[in-house]
Amino acid sequence: MSRPHHRVPGLVLVVALGGFLGTAARAGLAVWWPHDPDALPVATLTANLLGAFALGLLLEALIRSGDETPGRRRWRLGLGTGVLGGFTTYSSLALEVTDLLDAGKSGLALAYALGTVVVGFVACVLGVLLGARLHHRRRAVALPTDPDAADVDGDRA
């Protein structure tokens, strides 16, 4: 029986490094796209939606690539848990919703909270669908030509 992932120092390091990179990317996005306290927090919304899409794509690609190997586990934990876990931020969402409520913008706060969850779910599903499509396309290119595809004259279809 293998040890739990959180007790393997190498995996903890991969998650920590990924978390550092994801958090730095989100911080950079927040600097690049400053937040007006009375308006929709676009940087956080963008980070959460992009992260949901990327997580759907990543996990679908990993699932379709076969059983989990040590290498795939490192990718899943490093990119999924680390980078995307650090990049997305539902604690900032909660804080920003509270700030909008305190500013008397309850409609915007509700739309922001519900919109993030609903559109985030849709973004995740789109990532899963794209991952499935890319997998099928890659398999079609990798498969050998079907010898039964020749017509009666011997020409290939």
Foldseek 3Di string as FASTA:
>chain_A
DDDPQVPPVVLVVLQQVLLVQQLVVLVVLCVVPPDDLQDQSVSQLVLLQVLLLQLLQLVLLLVLVDDDDPVSSSVCNNNNNRNSVNNHDVPVLVVSLVSNVVVVNPVSSVCSVVVSVVSSNVSSVNSNVVNVVVSVVVVVVPDDDDCVQADPVRHHD
